[in-house]
Amino acid sequence: MSGARVFFIVLYGFLALLGLVMAGIAQDIGISIFGWGLVAFGVLNAFRTIGAHFDDAAKAH
C-alpha cells in the first residue's frame, strides 16, 4: 500500500472520528446531521480506498 493511500485512510478515519464527536456533543439537529454525514463520508471513503488497493493488487497478478 502506497504512502498516499495510508495518508488518506488516516485522514478519512480522523474525519469520521471528528464527525462522531460533533454528533455526540451537538446541541441542535443541524450540527448532528452534519456530524453523522461526516462519519458516513469518512467510513465509506476509507473502505473505498482499501478496496481500490485490493483492486490494483488483483490487476497486478
PDB file of N, CA and C in Angstrom:
ATOM      1  N   MET A   1       0.848  -1.170   0.000  1.00  0.00           N
ATOM      2  CA  MET A   1       0.000   0.000   0.000  1.00  0.00           C
ATOM      3  C   MET A   1       0.893   1.233   0.000  1.00  0.00           C
ATOM      4  N   SER A   2       0.592   2.150  -0.878  1.00  0.00           N
ATOM      5  CA  SER A   2       1.433   3.338  -1.009  1.00  0.00           C
ATOM      6  C   SER A   2       1.210   4.298   0.162  1.00  0.00           C
ATOM      7  N   GLY A   3       2.150   5.189   0.315  1.00  0.00           N
ATOM      8  CA  GLY A   3       2.067   6.167   1.392  1.00  0.00           C
ATOM      9  C   GLY A   3       0.877   7.101   1.248  1.00  0.00           C
ATOM     10  N   ALA A   4       0.517   7.421   0.013  1.00  0.00           N
ATOM     11  CA  ALA A   4      -0.621   8.306  -0.214  1.00  0.00           C
ATOM     12  C   ALA A   4      -1.921   7.656   0.239  1.00  0.00           C
ATOM     13  N   ARG A   5      -2.076   6.375  -0.037  1.00  0.00           N
ATOM     14  CA  ARG A   5      -3.294   5.682   0.391  1.00  0.00           C
ATOM     15  C   ARG A   5      -3.369   5.587   1.907  1.00  0.00           C
ATOM     16  N   VAL A   6      -2.247   5.318   2.541  1.00  0.00           N
ATOM     17  CA  VAL A   6      -2.232   5.262   4.005  1.00  0.00           C
ATOM     18  C   VAL A   6      -2.594   6.633   4.573  1.00  0.00           C
ATOM     19  N   PHE A   7      -2.055   7.682   3.996  1.00  0.00           N
ATOM     20  CA  PHE A   7      -2.377   9.039   4.439  1.00  0.00           C
ATOM     21  C   PHE A   7      -3.872   9.306   4.346  1.00  0.00           C
ATOM     22  N   PHE A   8      -4.486   8.950   3.224  1.00  0.00           N
ATOM     23  CA  PHE A   8      -5.906   9.231   3.057  1.00  0.00           C
ATOM     24  C   PHE A   8      -6.772   8.351   3.939  1.00  0.00           C
ATOM     25  N   ILE A   9      -6.375   7.122   4.201  1.00  0.00           N
ATOM     26  CA  ILE A   9      -7.130   6.284   5.127  1.00  0.00           C
ATOM     27  C   ILE A   9      -7.105   6.900   6.527  1.00  0.00           C
ATOM     28  N   VAL A  10      -5.940   7.367   6.949  1.00  0.00           N
ATOM     29  CA  VAL A  10      -5.831   8.013   8.261  1.00  0.00           C
ATOM     30  C   VAL A  10      -6.643   9.309   8.276  1.00  0.00           C
ATOM     31  N   LEU A  11      -6.580  10.086   7.206  1.00  0.00           N
ATOM     32  CA  LEU A  11      -7.353  11.328   7.124  1.00  0.00           C
ATOM     33  C   LEU A  11      -8.848  11.054   7.201  1.00  0.00           C
ATOM     34  N   TYR A  12      -9.331  10.066   6.454  1.00  0.00           N
ATOM     35  CA  TYR A  12     -10.758   9.737   6.482  1.00  0.00           C
ATOM     36  C   TYR A  12     -11.170   9.211   7.857  1.00  0.00           C
ATOM     37  N   GLY A  13     -10.297   8.456   8.493  1.00  0.00           N
ATOM     38  CA  GLY A  13     -10.590   7.983   9.842  1.00  0.00           C
ATOM     39  C   GLY A  13     -10.682   9.137  10.827  1.00  0.00           C
ATOM     40  N   PHE A  14      -9.784  10.110  10.692  1.00  0.00           N
ATOM     41  CA  PHE A  14      -9.827  11.290  11.554  1.00  0.00           C
ATOM     42  C   PHE A  14     -11.107  12.089  11.316  1.00  0.00           C
ATOM     43  N   LEU A  15     -11.510  12.254  10.060  1.00  0.00           N
ATOM     44  CA  LEU A  15     -12.743  12.980   9.765  1.00  0.00           C
ATOM     45  C   LEU A  15     -13.955  12.256  10.342  1.00  0.00           C
ATOM     46  N   ALA A  16     -13.967  10.928  10.257  1.00  0.00           N
ATOM     47  CA  ALA A  16     -15.073  10.167  10.828  1.00  0.00           C
ATOM     48  C   ALA A  16     -15.115  10.323  12.338  1.00  0.00           C
ATOM     49  N   LEU A  17     -13.964  10.296  12.983  1.00  0.00           N
ATOM     50  CA  LEU A  17     -13.910  10.481  14.425  1.00  0.00           C
ATOM     51  C   LEU A  17     -14.355  11.890  14.811  1.00  0.00           C
ATOM     52  N   LEU A  18     -13.927  12.878  14.058  1.00  0.00           N
ATOM     53  CA  LEU A  18     -14.357  14.252  14.292  1.00  0.00           C
ATOM     54  C   LEU A  18     -15.871  14.381  14.148  1.00  0.00           C
ATOM     55  N   GLY A  19     -16.434  13.752  13.132  1.00  0.00           N
ATOM     56  CA  GLY A  19     -17.882  13.780  12.938  1.00  0.00           C
ATOM     57  C   GLY A  19     -18.624  13.101  14.067  1.00  0.00           C
ATOM     58  N   LEU A  20     -18.052  12.007  14.577  1.00  0.00           N
ATOM     59  CA  LEU A  20     -18.683  11.313  15.695  1.00  0.00           C
ATOM     60  C   LEU A  20     -18.701  12.182  16.946  1.00  0.00           C
ATOM     61  N   VAL A  21     -17.614  12.879  17.190  1.00  0.00           N
ATOM     62  CA  VAL A  21     -17.565  13.795  18.343  1.00  0.00           C
ATOM     63  C   VAL A  21     -18.546  14.944  18.144  1.00  0.00           C
ATOM     64  N   MET A  22     -18.591  15.483  16.926  1.00  0.00           N
ATOM     65  CA  MET A  22     -19.524  16.580  16.653  1.00  0.00           C
ATOM     66  C   MET A  22     -20.970  16.144  16.860  1.00  0.00           C
ATOM     67  N   ALA A  23     -21.308  14.955  16.368  1.00  0.00           N
ATOM     68  CA  ALA A  23     -22.679  14.463  16.521  1.00  0.00           C
ATOM     69  C   ALA A  23     -22.989  14.194  17.985  1.00  0.00           C
ATOM     70  N   GLY A  24     -21.997  13.784  18.739  1.00  0.00           N
ATOM     71  CA  GLY A  24     -22.223  13.470  20.141  1.00  0.00           C
ATOM     72  C   GLY A  24     -22.450  14.683  21.019  1.00  0.00           C
ATOM     73  N   ILE A  25     -21.791  15.791  20.703  1.00  0.00           N
ATOM     74  CA  ILE A  25     -21.922  16.972  21.557  1.00  0.00           C
ATOM     75  C   ILE A  25     -22.819  18.051  20.951  1.00  0.00           C
ATOM     76  N   ALA A  26     -23.492  17.723  19.862  1.00  0.00           N
ATOM     77  CA  ALA A  26     -24.317  18.715  19.162  1.00  0.00           C
ATOM     78  C   ALA A  26     -25.495  19.151  20.029  1.00  0.00           C
ATOM     79  N   GLN A  27     -25.802  20.420  19.958  1.00  0.00           N
ATOM     80  CA  GLN A  27     -26.932  20.993  20.686  1.00  0.00           C
ATOM     81  C   GLN A  27     -28.166  21.145  19.797  1.00  0.00           C
ATOM     82  N   ASP A  28     -27.960  21.112  18.478  1.00  0.00           N
ATOM     83  CA  ASP A  28     -29.094  21.234  17.567  1.00  0.00           C
ATOM     84  C   ASP A  28     -29.006  20.160  16.491  1.00  0.00           C
ATOM     85  N   ILE A  29     -30.086  19.992  15.775  1.00  0.00           N
ATOM     86  CA  ILE A  29     -30.191  18.897  14.811  1.00  0.00           C
ATOM     87  C   ILE A  29     -29.304  19.115  13.583  1.00  0.00           C
ATOM     88  N   GLY A  30     -29.054  20.352  13.215  1.00  0.00           N
ATOM     89  CA  GLY A  30     -28.240  20.631  12.031  1.00  0.00           C
ATOM     90  C   GLY A  30     -26.808  20.150  12.184  1.00  0.00           C
ATOM     91  N   ILE A  31     -26.206  20.438  13.311  1.00  0.00           N
ATOM     92  CA  ILE A  31     -24.830  20.001  13.557  1.00  0.00           C
ATOM     93  C   ILE A  31     -24.789  18.494  13.736  1.00  0.00           C
ATOM     94  N   SER A  32     -25.821  17.924  14.325  1.00  0.00           N
ATOM     95  CA  SER A  32     -25.884  16.474  14.490  1.00  0.00           C
ATOM     96  C   SER A  32     -25.936  15.774  13.128  1.00  0.00           C
ATOM     97  N   ILE A  33     -26.752  16.280  12.231  1.00  0.00           N
ATOM     98  CA  ILE A  33     -26.842  15.697  10.887  1.00  0.00           C
ATOM     99  C   ILE A  33     -25.514  15.853  10.153  1.00  0.00           C
ATOM    100  N   PHE A  34     -24.897  17.016  10.266  1.00  0.00           N
ATOM    101  CA  PHE A  34     -23.600  17.230   9.634  1.00  0.00           C
ATOM    102  C   PHE A  34     -22.560  16.274  10.198  1.00  0.00           C
ATOM    103  N   GLY A  35     -22.558  16.063  11.513  1.00  0.00           N
ATOM    104  CA  GLY A  35     -21.611  15.148  12.140  1.00  0.00           C
ATOM    105  C   GLY A  35     -21.794  13.725  11.646  1.00  0.00           C
ATOM    106  N   TRP A  36     -23.037  13.257  11.592  1.00  0.00           N
ATOM    107  CA  TRP A  36     -23.275  11.894  11.095  1.00  0.00           C
ATOM    108  C   TRP A  36     -22.939  11.777   9.609  1.00  0.00           C
ATOM    109  N   GLY A  37     -23.148  12.844   8.854  1.00  0.00           N
ATOM    110  CA  GLY A  37     -22.740  12.838   7.448  1.00  0.00           C
ATOM    111  C   GLY A  37     -21.232  12.743   7.305  1.00  0.00           C
ATOM    112  N   LEU A  38     -20.513  13.417   8.188  1.00  0.00           N
ATOM    113  CA  LEU A  38     -19.056  13.349   8.176  1.00  0.00           C
ATOM    114  C   LEU A  38     -18.570  11.950   8.551  1.00  0.00           C
ATOM    115  N   VAL A  39     -19.253  11.306   9.486  1.00  0.00           N
ATOM    116  CA  VAL A  39     -18.922   9.921   9.836  1.00  0.00           C
ATOM    117  C   VAL A  39     -19.121   9.019   8.627  1.00  0.00           C
ATOM    118  N   ALA A  40     -20.253   9.145   7.967  1.00  0.00           N
ATOM    119  CA  ALA A  40     -20.535   8.314   6.791  1.00  0.00           C
ATOM    120  C   ALA A  40     -19.509   8.572   5.679  1.00  0.00           C
ATOM    121  N   PHE A  41     -19.183   9.836   5.435  1.00  0.00           N
ATOM    122  CA  PHE A  41     -18.200  10.191   4.422  1.00  0.00           C
ATOM    123  C   PHE A  41     -16.847   9.558   4.725  1.00  0.00           C
ATOM    124  N   GLY A  42     -16.393   9.678   5.959  1.00  0.00           N
ATOM    125  CA  GLY A  42     -15.089   9.150   6.342  1.00  0.00           C
ATOM    126  C   GLY A  42     -15.014   7.639   6.239  1.00  0.00           C
ATOM    127  N   VAL A  43     -16.019   6.956   6.758  1.00  0.00           N
ATOM    128  CA  VAL A  43     -16.006   5.492   6.751  1.00  0.00           C
ATOM    129  C   VAL A  43     -16.114   4.953   5.330  1.00  0.00           C
ATOM    130  N   LEU A  44     -17.031   5.490   4.546  1.00  0.00           N
ATOM    131  CA  LEU A  44     -17.209   4.983   3.183  1.00  0.00           C
ATOM    132  C   LEU A  44     -15.987   5.250   2.318  1.00  0.00           C
ATOM    133  N   ASN A  45     -15.364   6.394   2.450  1.00  0.00           N
ATOM    134  CA  ASN A  45     -14.177   6.676   1.655  1.00  0.00           C
ATOM    135  C   ASN A  45     -12.976   5.865   2.110  1.00  0.00           C
ATOM    136  N   ALA A  46     -12.877   5.569   3.396  1.00  0.00           N
ATOM    137  CA  ALA A  46     -11.797   4.701   3.868  1.00  0.00           C
ATOM    138  C   ALA A  46     -11.953   3.306   3.277  1.00  0.00           C
ATOM    139  N   PHE A  47     -13.175   2.769   3.296  1.00  0.00           N
ATOM    140  CA  PHE A  47     -13.412   1.456   2.698  1.00  0.00           C
ATOM    141  C   PHE A  47     -13.176   1.478   1.189  1.00  0.00           C
ATOM    142  N   ARG A  48     -13.548   2.581   0.532  1.00  0.00           N
ATOM    143  CA  ARG A  48     -13.321   2.684  -0.914  1.00  0.00           C
ATOM    144  C   ARG A  48     -11.835   2.706  -1.229  1.00  0.00           C
ATOM    145  N   THR A  49     -11.046   3.387  -0.396  1.00  0.00           N
ATOM    146  CA  THR A  49      -9.604   3.445  -0.598  1.00  0.00           C
ATOM    147  C   THR A  49      -8.962   2.071  -0.395  1.00  0.00           C
ATOM    148  N   ILE A  50      -9.413   1.356   0.623  1.00  0.00           N
ATOM    149  CA  ILE A  50      -8.903  -0.003   0.848  1.00  0.00           C
ATOM    150  C   ILE A  50      -9.303  -0.909  -0.311  1.00  0.00           C
ATOM    151  N   GLY A  51     -10.535  -0.774  -0.785  1.00  0.00           N
ATOM    152  CA  GLY A  51     -10.981  -1.565  -1.934  1.00  0.00           C
ATOM    153  C   GLY A  51     -10.189  -1.263  -3.189  1.00  0.00           C
ATOM    154  N   ALA A  52      -9.842  -0.008  -3.406  1.00  0.00           N
ATOM    155  CA  ALA A  52      -9.034   0.360  -4.573  1.00  0.00           C
ATOM    156  C   ALA A  52      -7.652  -0.278  -4.498  1.00  0.00           C
ATOM    157  N   HIS A  53      -7.100  -0.361  -3.290  1.00  0.00           N
ATOM    158  CA  HIS A  53      -5.807  -1.022  -3.125  1.00  0.00           C
ATOM    159  C   HIS A  53      -5.888  -2.490  -3.532  1.00  0.00           C
ATOM    160  N   PHE A  54      -6.915  -3.188  -3.071  1.00  0.00           N
ATOM    161  CA  PHE A  54      -7.035  -4.604  -3.406  1.00  0.00           C
ATOM    162  C   PHE A  54      -7.386  -4.812  -4.878  1.00  0.00           C
ATOM    163  N   ASP A  55      -8.133  -3.888  -5.481  1.00  0.00           N
ATOM    164  CA  ASP A  55      -8.401  -3.983  -6.910  1.00  0.00           C
ATOM    165  C   ASP A  55      -7.116  -3.840  -7.718  1.00  0.00           C
ATOM    166  N   ASP A  56      -6.274  -2.892  -7.348  1.00  0.00           N
ATOM    167  CA  ASP A  56      -4.995  -2.715  -8.025  1.00  0.00           C
ATOM    168  C   ASP A  56      -4.087  -3.908  -7.830  1.00  0.00           C
ATOM    169  N   ALA A  57      -4.116  -4.494  -6.636  1.00  0.00           N
ATOM    170  CA  ALA A  57      -3.288  -5.672  -6.362  1.00  0.00           C
ATOM    171  C   ALA A  57      -3.773  -6.869  -7.176  1.00  0.00           C
ATOM    172  N   ALA A  58      -5.072  -6.988  -7.379  1.00  0.00           N
ATOM    173  CA  ALA A  58      -5.605  -8.105  -8.182  1.00  0.00           C
ATOM    174  C   ALA A  58      -5.264  -7.920  -9.653  1.00  0.00           C
ATOM    175  N   LYS A  59      -5.227  -6.697 -10.132  1.00  0.00           N
ATOM    176  CA  LYS A  59      -4.880  -6.452 -11.532  1.00  0.00           C
ATOM    177  C   LYS A  59      -3.404  -6.750 -11.794  1.00  0.00           C
ATOM    178  N   ALA A  60      -2.575  -6.597 -10.787  1.00  0.00           N
ATOM    179  CA  ALA A  60      -1.133  -6.818 -10.950  1.00  0.00           C
ATOM    180  C   ALA A  60      -0.818  -8.296 -11.115  1.00  0.00           C
ATOM    181  N   HIS A  61      -1.688  -9.157 -10.649  1.00  0.00           N
ATOM    182  CA  HIS A  61      -1.431 -10.591 -10.752  1.00  0.00           C
ATOM    183  C   HIS A  61      -2.149 -11.170 -11.876  1.00  0.00           C
TER     184      HIS A  61
END
